[in-house]
């Protein structure tokens, strides 16, 4: 486990990629803003947009690179070229995401590592990956190479798991909470306008055991807990990626269509890196 002094997230200008933008590195300036989720001060007040509130800091100039601090997770980078007229021409706008060693995460990891746990007792990392609208039989038919690869790599196939309802939420709720839709509505999600924060998600159990938890979906508009629903009062996990996928569609002129957003380009003039022992 690395301390904040050893675990670093770096934002660097890629001068080699500048050629794809037909500009000279010495004529380009870049700045970055930090994108933060905005929660109610008490963490309790709730409305339909609670999962979508954010703030963007002023754009701070940097030259070749900089070290991000432990709370800077989502970054907006802008690069521009100075024209002879004295104005700046935008050449690059993009969002970047990193996995910083947050103070709360470091505290949890320090507590876990201080406990006397033998090698036999060390817990496995767990990654749950879901493909929506793709049944097990369809995966077997359409992705045979993937099906052969996963068992060889130690993945476990949930062959006894079947759909328990229509659409995403009933099925994912069964996996993540162990509840049917009727039970979910009776116990913790009483209406479409209420938060899921009090539901018994399995990641809460993992967190109690010392795990660091992350949750991400790739389609913010149609995400499981937000489509015709209102999401979470506060981030439900240590790393919650909704804000990163939501931002490009809402505010920044990145290439998009009615359903998808392209928040990255092939050759980035600015890259993020991790530096850890």
C-alpha atoms as a PDB file:
ATOM      1  CA  UNK A   1       0.000   0.000   0.000  1.00  0.00           C
ATOM      2  CA  UNK A   2       1.425   3.307  -0.960  1.00  0.00           C
ATOM      3  CA  UNK A   3       1.121   6.502   1.005  1.00  0.00           C
ATOM      4  CA  UNK A   4       0.097   9.732  -0.681  1.00  0.00           C
ATOM      5  CA  UNK A   5       3.749  10.683  -0.918  1.00  0.00           C
ATOM      6  CA  UNK A   6       4.507   7.566  -2.957  1.00  0.00           C
ATOM      7  CA  UNK A   7       1.265   7.144  -4.922  1.00  0.00           C
ATOM      8  CA  UNK A   8       0.968   9.962  -7.434  1.00  0.00           C
ATOM      9  CA  UNK A   9      -1.385  10.827 -10.259  1.00  0.00           C
ATOM     10  CA  UNK A  10       0.380  12.839 -12.954  1.00  0.00           C
ATOM     11  CA  UNK A  11      -1.048  15.058 -15.683  1.00  0.00           C
ATOM     12  CA  UNK A  12       1.456  15.424 -18.527  1.00  0.00           C
ATOM     13  CA  UNK A  13       1.570  17.129 -21.906  1.00  0.00           C
ATOM     14  CA  UNK A  14       2.353  14.607 -24.655  1.00  0.00           C
ATOM     15  CA  UNK A  15       4.488  16.660 -27.024  1.00  0.00           C
ATOM     16  CA  UNK A  16       4.738  13.798 -29.539  1.00  0.00           C
ATOM     17  CA  UNK A  17       0.950  13.768 -30.015  1.00  0.00           C
ATOM     18  CA  UNK A  18       0.973  17.491 -30.737  1.00  0.00           C
ATOM     19  CA  UNK A  19       1.899  16.648 -34.335  1.00  0.00           C
ATOM     20  CA  UNK A  20      -1.616  15.261 -34.851  1.00  0.00           C
ATOM     21  CA  UNK A  21      -2.958  18.728 -34.064  1.00  0.00           C
ATOM     22  CA  UNK A  22      -0.597  20.466 -36.540  1.00  0.00           C
ATOM     23  CA  UNK A  23       0.789  22.713 -33.815  1.00  0.00           C
ATOM     24  CA  UNK A  24       4.216  23.225 -32.283  1.00  0.00           C
ATOM     25  CA  UNK A  25       4.455  22.387 -28.558  1.00  0.00           C
ATOM     26  CA  UNK A  26       6.129  25.689 -27.740  1.00  0.00           C
ATOM     27  CA  UNK A  27       3.094  27.553 -29.138  1.00  0.00           C
ATOM     28  CA  UNK A  28       0.550  25.656 -27.051  1.00  0.00           C
ATOM     29  CA  UNK A  29      -0.696  26.475 -23.581  1.00  0.00           C
ATOM     30  CA  UNK A  30      -2.827  24.216 -21.392  1.00  0.00           C
ATOM     31  CA  UNK A  31      -4.880  24.609 -18.249  1.00  0.00           C
ATOM     32  CA  UNK A  32      -6.914  22.257 -16.097  1.00  0.00           C
ATOM     33  CA  UNK A  33     -10.026  22.487 -13.937  1.00  0.00           C
ATOM     34  CA  UNK A  34     -11.097  20.109 -11.199  1.00  0.00           C
ATOM     35  CA  UNK A  35     -14.637  18.755 -11.447  1.00  0.00           C
ATOM     36  CA  UNK A  36     -16.208  18.094  -8.060  1.00  0.00           C
ATOM     37  CA  UNK A  37     -19.489  16.570  -7.071  1.00  0.00           C
ATOM     38  CA  UNK A  38     -21.632  18.923  -4.991  1.00  0.00           C
ATOM     39  CA  UNK A  39     -23.475  17.319  -2.083  1.00  0.00           C
ATOM     40  CA  UNK A  40     -25.858  18.967   0.325  1.00  0.00           C
ATOM     41  CA  UNK A  41     -23.882  19.993   3.459  1.00  0.00           C
ATOM     42  CA  UNK A  42     -25.791  17.524   5.610  1.00  0.00           C
ATOM     43  CA  UNK A  43     -25.675  14.776   2.982  1.00  0.00           C
ATOM     44  CA  UNK A  44     -29.368  14.155   3.637  1.00  0.00           C
ATOM     45  CA  UNK A  45     -31.409  16.685   1.651  1.00  0.00           C
ATOM     46  CA  UNK A  46     -32.513  15.097  -1.593  1.00  0.00           C
ATOM     47  CA  UNK A  47     -34.099  16.005  -4.903  1.00  0.00           C
ATOM     48  CA  UNK A  48     -34.274  14.550  -8.388  1.00  0.00           C
ATOM     49  CA  UNK A  49     -30.993  16.126  -9.485  1.00  0.00           C
ATOM     50  CA  UNK A  50     -28.898  15.239  -6.436  1.00  0.00           C
ATOM     51  CA  UNK A  51     -26.857  12.729  -8.438  1.00  0.00           C
ATOM     52  CA  UNK A  52     -26.014  15.320 -11.114  1.00  0.00           C
ATOM     53  CA  UNK A  53     -24.785  18.358  -9.151  1.00  0.00           C
ATOM     54  CA  UNK A  54     -21.182  19.428  -9.670  1.00  0.00           C
ATOM     55  CA  UNK A  55     -18.834  22.393  -9.727  1.00  0.00           C
ATOM     56  CA  UNK A  56     -15.900  23.221 -12.000  1.00  0.00           C
ATOM     57  CA  UNK A  57     -12.937  25.202 -10.667  1.00  0.00           C
ATOM     58  CA  UNK A  58     -11.173  27.997 -12.527  1.00  0.00           C
ATOM     59  CA  UNK A  59      -8.770  26.744 -15.206  1.00  0.00           C
ATOM     60  CA  UNK A  60      -5.200  26.724 -13.839  1.00  0.00           C
ATOM     61  CA  UNK A  61      -2.297  26.951 -16.279  1.00  0.00           C
ATOM     62  CA  UNK A  62       0.380  24.261 -16.426  1.00  0.00           C
ATOM     63  CA  UNK A  63       3.289  23.710 -18.800  1.00  0.00           C
ATOM     64  CA  UNK A  64       4.704  20.212 -19.184  1.00  0.00           C
ATOM     65  CA  UNK A  65       2.895  18.500 -16.348  1.00  0.00           C
ATOM     66  CA  UNK A  66       1.809  18.500 -12.722  1.00  0.00           C
ATOM     67  CA  UNK A  67       1.009  16.204  -9.796  1.00  0.00           C
ATOM     68  CA  UNK A  68      -2.674  16.003  -8.895  1.00  0.00           C
ATOM     69  CA  UNK A  69      -3.613  15.940  -5.233  1.00  0.00           C
ATOM     70  CA  UNK A  70      -5.439  13.101  -3.515  1.00  0.00           C
ATOM     71  CA  UNK A  71      -8.932  14.576  -3.970  1.00  0.00           C
ATOM     72  CA  UNK A  72      -8.624  15.514  -7.661  1.00  0.00           C
ATOM     73  CA  UNK A  73     -10.311  12.640  -9.482  1.00  0.00           C
ATOM     74  CA  UNK A  74     -12.053  14.175 -12.514  1.00  0.00           C
ATOM     75  CA  UNK A  75     -10.179  16.753 -14.567  1.00  0.00           C
ATOM     76  CA  UNK A  76     -11.183  19.001 -17.462  1.00  0.00           C
ATOM     77  CA  UNK A  77      -8.201  19.946 -19.650  1.00  0.00           C
ATOM     78  CA  UNK A  78      -8.173  22.713 -22.257  1.00  0.00           C
ATOM     79  CA  UNK A  79      -5.279  23.483 -24.605  1.00  0.00           C
ATOM     80  CA  UNK A  80      -5.027  26.475 -26.890  1.00  0.00           C
ATOM     81  CA  UNK A  81      -2.701  28.048 -29.438  1.00  0.00           C
ATOM     82  CA  UNK A  82      -1.908  31.766 -29.432  1.00  0.00           C
ATOM     83  CA  UNK A  83      -2.753  33.460 -32.745  1.00  0.00           C
ATOM     84  CA  UNK A  84      -0.887  36.387 -34.293  1.00  0.00           C
ATOM     85  CA  UNK A  85      -3.908  38.544 -33.500  1.00  0.00           C
ATOM     86  CA  UNK A  86      -3.332  37.901 -29.809  1.00  0.00           C
ATOM     87  CA  UNK A  87      -6.367  35.677 -29.363  1.00  0.00           C
ATOM     88  CA  UNK A  88      -6.301  32.023 -28.357  1.00  0.00           C
ATOM     89  CA  UNK A  89      -7.541  29.207 -30.585  1.00  0.00           C
ATOM     90  CA  UNK A  90      -8.888  26.164 -28.746  1.00  0.00           C
ATOM     91  CA  UNK A  91      -7.248  22.976 -29.997  1.00  0.00           C
ATOM     92  CA  UNK A  92      -8.173  20.477 -27.297  1.00  0.00           C
ATOM     93  CA  UNK A  93     -10.919  20.035 -24.684  1.00  0.00           C
ATOM     94  CA  UNK A  94     -11.286  16.759 -22.847  1.00  0.00           C
ATOM     95  CA  UNK A  95     -12.103  15.171 -19.517  1.00  0.00           C
ATOM     96  CA  UNK A  96      -9.701  12.854 -17.697  1.00  0.00           C
ATOM     97  CA  UNK A  97     -10.275  10.501 -14.767  1.00  0.00           C
ATOM     98  CA  UNK A  98      -7.726   9.121 -12.324  1.00  0.00           C
ATOM     99  CA  UNK A  99      -7.878   6.893  -9.237  1.00  0.00           C
ATOM    100  CA  UNK A 100      -6.285   9.031  -6.526  1.00  0.00           C
ATOM    101  CA  UNK A 101      -5.355   7.772  -3.090  1.00  0.00           C
ATOM    102  CA  UNK A 102      -8.137   9.611  -1.267  1.00  0.00           C
ATOM    103  CA  UNK A 103      -7.630  10.348   2.418  1.00  0.00           C
ATOM    104  CA  UNK A 104     -10.584   8.146   3.424  1.00  0.00           C
ATOM    105  CA  UNK A 105      -9.306   5.297   1.241  1.00  0.00           C
ATOM    106  CA  UNK A 106      -5.789   5.570   2.649  1.00  0.00           C
ATOM    107  CA  UNK A 107      -7.182   5.487   6.178  1.00  0.00           C
ATOM    108  CA  UNK A 108      -9.151   2.333   5.392  1.00  0.00           C
ATOM    109  CA  UNK A 109      -6.160   0.618   3.779  1.00  0.00           C
ATOM    110  CA  UNK A 110      -3.904   1.535   6.690  1.00  0.00           C
ATOM    111  CA  UNK A 111      -6.432   0.055   9.104  1.00  0.00           C
ATOM    112  CA  UNK A 112      -6.735  -3.127   7.059  1.00  0.00           C
ATOM    113  CA  UNK A 113      -2.965  -3.581   6.668  1.00  0.00           C
ATOM    114  CA  UNK A 114      -2.425  -3.045  10.407  1.00  0.00           C
ATOM    115  CA  UNK A 115      -4.633  -6.016  11.244  1.00  0.00           C
ATOM    116  CA  UNK A 116      -2.819  -9.337  11.565  1.00  0.00           C
ATOM    117  CA  UNK A 117      -4.056 -11.216   8.511  1.00  0.00           C
ATOM    118  CA  UNK A 118      -2.220 -14.351   7.397  1.00  0.00           C
ATOM    119  CA  UNK A 119      -1.692 -15.171   3.729  1.00  0.00           C
ATOM    120  CA  UNK A 120      -4.477 -17.761   3.970  1.00  0.00           C
ATOM    121  CA  UNK A 121      -6.859 -15.099   5.275  1.00  0.00           C
ATOM    122  CA  UNK A 122      -6.077 -12.439   2.669  1.00  0.00           C
ATOM    123  CA  UNK A 123      -9.166 -11.659   0.651  1.00  0.00           C
ATOM    124  CA  UNK A 124      -9.496 -11.756  -3.122  1.00  0.00           C
ATOM    125  CA  UNK A 125     -10.225  -8.641  -5.119  1.00  0.00           C
ATOM    126  CA  UNK A 126     -13.668  -8.859  -6.728  1.00  0.00           C
ATOM    127  CA  UNK A 127     -14.669  -7.460 -10.126  1.00  0.00           C
ATOM    128  CA  UNK A 128     -18.297  -7.775 -11.210  1.00  0.00           C
ATOM    129  CA  UNK A 129     -18.734  -7.004 -14.910  1.00  0.00           C
ATOM    130  CA  UNK A 130     -22.190  -6.909 -16.475  1.00  0.00           C
ATOM    131  CA  UNK A 131     -23.343  -6.738 -20.104  1.00  0.00           C
ATOM    132  CA  UNK A 132     -26.891  -5.428 -20.189  1.00  0.00           C
ATOM    133  CA  UNK A 133     -29.408  -6.823 -22.709  1.00  0.00           C
ATOM    134  CA  UNK A 134     -27.199  -9.846 -23.399  1.00  0.00           C
ATOM    135  CA  UNK A 135     -28.404 -13.206 -22.143  1.00  0.00           C
ATOM    136  CA  UNK A 136     -26.001 -16.015 -21.265  1.00  0.00           C
ATOM    137  CA  UNK A 137     -27.107 -18.010 -24.333  1.00  0.00           C
ATOM    138  CA  UNK A 138     -26.534 -14.992 -26.576  1.00  0.00           C
ATOM    139  CA  UNK A 139     -23.030 -14.581 -25.152  1.00  0.00           C
ATOM    140  CA  UNK A 140     -22.313 -18.247 -25.873  1.00  0.00           C
ATOM    141  CA  UNK A 141     -23.445 -17.797 -29.480  1.00  0.00           C
ATOM    142  CA  UNK A 142     -21.954 -14.410 -30.308  1.00  0.00           C
ATOM    143  CA  UNK A 143     -18.772 -14.242 -28.191  1.00  0.00           C
ATOM    144  CA  UNK A 144     -17.307 -17.790 -28.238  1.00  0.00           C
ATOM    145  CA  UNK A 145     -13.687 -16.629 -27.917  1.00  0.00           C
ATOM    146  CA  UNK A 146     -14.524 -14.567 -24.841  1.00  0.00           C
ATOM    147  CA  UNK A 147     -16.455 -17.508 -23.365  1.00  0.00           C
ATOM    148  CA  UNK A 148     -13.372 -19.729 -23.780  1.00  0.00           C
ATOM    149  CA  UNK A 149     -11.008 -17.098 -22.382  1.00  0.00           C
ATOM    150  CA  UNK A 150     -12.841 -16.264 -19.153  1.00  0.00           C
ATOM    151  CA  UNK A 151     -12.664 -19.692 -17.430  1.00  0.00           C
ATOM    152  CA  UNK A 152      -8.958 -19.970 -18.273  1.00  0.00           C
ATOM    153  CA  UNK A 153      -8.405 -16.644 -16.513  1.00  0.00           C
ATOM    154  CA  UNK A 154     -10.189 -17.656 -13.331  1.00  0.00           C
ATOM    155  CA  UNK A 155     -13.571 -15.999 -13.970  1.00  0.00           C
ATOM    156  CA  UNK A 156     -16.624 -17.674 -12.459  1.00  0.00           C
ATOM    157  CA  UNK A 157     -19.701 -18.104 -14.627  1.00  0.00           C
ATOM    158  CA  UNK A 158     -23.033 -17.593 -12.859  1.00  0.00           C
ATOM    159  CA  UNK A 159     -24.776 -20.282 -14.904  1.00  0.00           C
ATOM    160  CA  UNK A 160     -27.623 -20.624 -12.410  1.00  0.00           C
ATOM    161  CA  UNK A 161     -28.551 -16.952 -12.517  1.00  0.00           C
ATOM    162  CA  UNK A 162     -31.610 -16.087 -14.601  1.00  0.00           C
ATOM    163  CA  UNK A 163     -33.643 -12.925 -15.141  1.00  0.00           C
ATOM    164  CA  UNK A 164     -36.162 -12.183 -12.437  1.00  0.00           C
ATOM    165  CA  UNK A 165     -37.969  -9.296 -14.159  1.00  0.00           C
ATOM    166  CA  UNK A 166     -38.089  -6.972 -17.152  1.00  0.00           C
ATOM    167  CA  UNK A 167     -35.457  -4.256 -17.677  1.00  0.00           C
ATOM    168  CA  UNK A 168     -32.229  -3.644 -15.818  1.00  0.00           C
ATOM    169  CA  UNK A 169     -33.195  -2.615 -12.297  1.00  0.00           C
ATOM    170  CA  UNK A 170     -35.092  -5.751 -11.176  1.00  0.00           C
ATOM    171  CA  UNK A 171     -32.248  -7.978 -12.304  1.00  0.00           C
ATOM    172  CA  UNK A 172     -29.387  -5.887 -10.993  1.00  0.00           C
ATOM    173  CA  UNK A 173     -31.204  -5.285  -7.708  1.00  0.00           C
ATOM    174  CA  UNK A 174     -31.406  -9.051  -7.238  1.00  0.00           C
ATOM    175  CA  UNK A 175     -27.626  -9.335  -7.692  1.00  0.00           C
ATOM    176  CA  UNK A 176     -26.600  -6.292  -5.650  1.00  0.00           C
ATOM    177  CA  UNK A 177     -29.206  -6.334  -2.853  1.00  0.00           C
ATOM    178  CA  UNK A 178     -30.763  -9.805  -2.859  1.00  0.00           C
ATOM    179  CA  UNK A 179     -34.211  -8.211  -3.050  1.00  0.00           C
ATOM    180  CA  UNK A 180     -37.078  -8.493  -5.474  1.00  0.00           C
ATOM    181  CA  UNK A 181     -38.644  -5.287  -6.778  1.00  0.00           C
ATOM    182  CA  UNK A 182     -41.533  -5.596  -4.308  1.00  0.00           C
ATOM    183  CA  UNK A 183     -39.097  -6.045  -1.431  1.00  0.00           C
ATOM    184  CA  UNK A 184     -36.970  -3.133  -2.680  1.00  0.00           C
ATOM    185  CA  UNK A 185     -39.995  -0.821  -2.769  1.00  0.00           C
ATOM    186  CA  UNK A 186     -41.170  -1.902   0.671  1.00  0.00           C
ATOM    187  CA  UNK A 187     -37.780  -1.707   2.387  1.00  0.00           C
ATOM    188  CA  UNK A 188     -35.752   1.161   0.954  1.00  0.00           C
ATOM    189  CA  UNK A 189     -36.989   2.593  -2.369  1.00  0.00           C
ATOM    190  CA  UNK A 190     -40.553   3.639  -1.705  1.00  0.00           C
ATOM    191  CA  UNK A 191     -41.066   5.742  -4.873  1.00  0.00           C
ATOM    192  CA  UNK A 192     -39.339   6.871  -8.057  1.00  0.00           C
ATOM    193  CA  UNK A 193     -38.518  10.132  -6.280  1.00  0.00           C
ATOM    194  CA  UNK A 194     -36.698   8.520  -3.363  1.00  0.00           C
ATOM    195  CA  UNK A 195     -33.005   7.712  -3.062  1.00  0.00           C
ATOM    196  CA  UNK A 196     -31.421   4.256  -3.178  1.00  0.00           C
ATOM    197  CA  UNK A 197     -28.977   5.259  -0.450  1.00  0.00           C
ATOM    198  CA  UNK A 198     -30.570   3.122   2.285  1.00  0.00           C
ATOM    199  CA  UNK A 199     -30.808  -0.070   0.231  1.00  0.00           C
ATOM    200  CA  UNK A 200     -28.723  -3.066   1.423  1.00  0.00           C
ATOM    201  CA  UNK A 201     -26.191  -3.118  -1.412  1.00  0.00           C
ATOM    202  CA  UNK A 202     -23.618  -5.872  -1.271  1.00  0.00           C
ATOM    203  CA  UNK A 203     -20.812  -3.306  -1.560  1.00  0.00           C
ATOM    204  CA  UNK A 204     -21.728  -2.102   1.955  1.00  0.00           C
ATOM    205  CA  UNK A 205     -20.818  -5.548   3.293  1.00  0.00           C
ATOM    206  CA  UNK A 206     -17.560  -5.501   1.341  1.00  0.00           C
ATOM    207  CA  UNK A 207     -16.787  -2.048   2.732  1.00  0.00           C
ATOM    208  CA  UNK A 208     -17.323  -3.268   6.291  1.00  0.00           C
ATOM    209  CA  UNK A 209     -14.723  -5.961   5.600  1.00  0.00           C
ATOM    210  CA  UNK A 210     -12.140  -3.364   4.572  1.00  0.00           C
ATOM    211  CA  UNK A 211     -12.631  -3.350   0.809  1.00  0.00           C
ATOM    212  CA  UNK A 212     -12.299  -0.204  -1.318  1.00  0.00           C
ATOM    213  CA  UNK A 213     -15.357  -0.011  -3.561  1.00  0.00           C
ATOM    214  CA  UNK A 214     -15.957   1.458  -7.025  1.00  0.00           C
ATOM    215  CA  UNK A 215     -19.107   1.600  -9.152  1.00  0.00           C
ATOM    216  CA  UNK A 216     -19.366   2.701 -12.783  1.00  0.00           C
ATOM    217  CA  UNK A 217     -21.787   2.524 -15.703  1.00  0.00           C
ATOM    218  CA  UNK A 218     -21.036   3.609 -19.255  1.00  0.00           C
ATOM    219  CA  UNK A 219     -24.382   5.239 -20.159  1.00  0.00           C
ATOM    220  CA  UNK A 220     -25.294   8.013 -17.690  1.00  0.00           C
ATOM    221  CA  UNK A 221     -28.686   8.877 -19.168  1.00  0.00           C
ATOM    222  CA  UNK A 222     -29.943   5.305 -19.019  1.00  0.00           C
ATOM    223  CA  UNK A 223     -28.030   4.133 -15.949  1.00  0.00           C
ATOM    224  CA  UNK A 224     -29.679   1.644 -13.632  1.00  0.00           C
ATOM    225  CA  UNK A 225     -30.368   3.916 -10.679  1.00  0.00           C
ATOM    226  CA  UNK A 226     -31.045   7.136 -12.622  1.00  0.00           C
ATOM    227  CA  UNK A 227     -33.234   6.316 -15.620  1.00  0.00           C
ATOM    228  CA  UNK A 228     -36.698   7.548 -14.537  1.00  0.00           C
ATOM    229  CA  UNK A 229     -35.236   7.406 -11.031  1.00  0.00           C
ATOM    230  CA  UNK A 230     -33.206   9.756  -8.880  1.00  0.00           C
ATOM    231  CA  UNK A 231     -30.018   7.949  -7.912  1.00  0.00           C
ATOM    232  CA  UNK A 232     -28.063   8.593  -4.721  1.00  0.00           C
ATOM    233  CA  UNK A 233     -27.916  11.413  -2.165  1.00  0.00           C
ATOM    234  CA  UNK A 234     -24.147  11.014  -1.750  1.00  0.00           C
ATOM    235  CA  UNK A 235     -21.700   8.804  -3.686  1.00  0.00           C
ATOM    236  CA  UNK A 236     -22.528   5.195  -2.770  1.00  0.00           C
ATOM    237  CA  UNK A 237     -18.950   3.935  -3.127  1.00  0.00           C
ATOM    238  CA  UNK A 238     -15.392   5.199  -2.592  1.00  0.00           C
ATOM    239  CA  UNK A 239     -15.035   5.766  -6.334  1.00  0.00           C
ATOM    240  CA  UNK A 240     -18.268   6.638  -8.148  1.00  0.00           C
ATOM    241  CA  UNK A 241     -17.787   7.352 -11.852  1.00  0.00           C
ATOM    242  CA  UNK A 242     -21.215   8.758 -12.793  1.00  0.00           C
ATOM    243  CA  UNK A 243     -20.012  12.366 -12.720  1.00  0.00           C
ATOM    244  CA  UNK A 244     -17.236  11.631 -15.232  1.00  0.00           C
ATOM    245  CA  UNK A 245     -19.588  10.021 -17.763  1.00  0.00           C
ATOM    246  CA  UNK A 246     -22.327  12.617 -17.184  1.00  0.00           C
ATOM    247  CA  UNK A 247     -20.233  15.737 -17.704  1.00  0.00           C
ATOM    248  CA  UNK A 248     -19.276  15.562 -21.412  1.00  0.00           C
ATOM    249  CA  UNK A 249     -22.896  15.231 -22.483  1.00  0.00           C
ATOM    250  CA  UNK A 250     -24.093  18.066 -20.288  1.00  0.00           C
ATOM    251  CA  UNK A 251     -21.592  20.868 -20.689  1.00  0.00           C
ATOM    252  CA  UNK A 252     -18.656  20.330 -22.985  1.00  0.00           C
ATOM    253  CA  UNK A 253     -18.608  20.312 -26.743  1.00  0.00           C
ATOM    254  CA  UNK A 254     -17.364  16.777 -27.234  1.00  0.00           C
ATOM    255  CA  UNK A 255     -18.438  14.616 -30.157  1.00  0.00           C
ATOM    256  CA  UNK A 256     -21.781  12.942 -29.446  1.00  0.00           C
ATOM    257  CA  UNK A 257     -25.007  11.574 -30.870  1.00  0.00           C
ATOM    258  CA  UNK A 258     -28.359  10.889 -29.217  1.00  0.00           C
ATOM    259  CA  UNK A 259     -27.112   7.994 -27.103  1.00  0.00           C
ATOM    260  CA  UNK A 260     -23.321   7.973 -26.952  1.00  0.00           C
ATOM    261  CA  UNK A 261     -20.631  10.467 -26.043  1.00  0.00           C
ATOM    262  CA  UNK A 262     -17.062  10.323 -27.298  1.00  0.00           C
ATOM    263  CA  UNK A 263     -15.043  11.843 -24.453  1.00  0.00           C
ATOM    264  CA  UNK A 264     -11.667  10.706 -25.773  1.00  0.00           C
ATOM    265  CA  UNK A 265      -9.700  10.972 -28.994  1.00  0.00           C
ATOM    266  CA  UNK A 266      -7.205   8.621 -30.562  1.00  0.00           C
ATOM    267  CA  UNK A 267      -4.016  10.549 -29.827  1.00  0.00           C
ATOM    268  CA  UNK A 268      -4.134  12.634 -26.672  1.00  0.00           C
ATOM    269  CA  UNK A 269      -1.850  15.649 -26.323  1.00  0.00           C
ATOM    270  CA  UNK A 270      -2.384  15.427 -22.557  1.00  0.00           C
ATOM    271  CA  UNK A 271      -2.123  12.124 -20.686  1.00  0.00           C
ATOM    272  CA  UNK A 272      -2.682  10.959 -17.129  1.00  0.00           C
ATOM    273  CA  UNK A 273      -0.224   8.589 -15.441  1.00  0.00           C
ATOM    274  CA  UNK A 274       0.095   6.708 -12.164  1.00  0.00           C
ATOM    275  CA  UNK A 275       3.379   6.668 -10.280  1.00  0.00           C
ATOM    276  CA  UNK A 276       3.519   4.176  -7.425  1.00  0.00           C
ATOM    277  CA  UNK A 277       6.264   1.943  -5.985  1.00  0.00           C
END
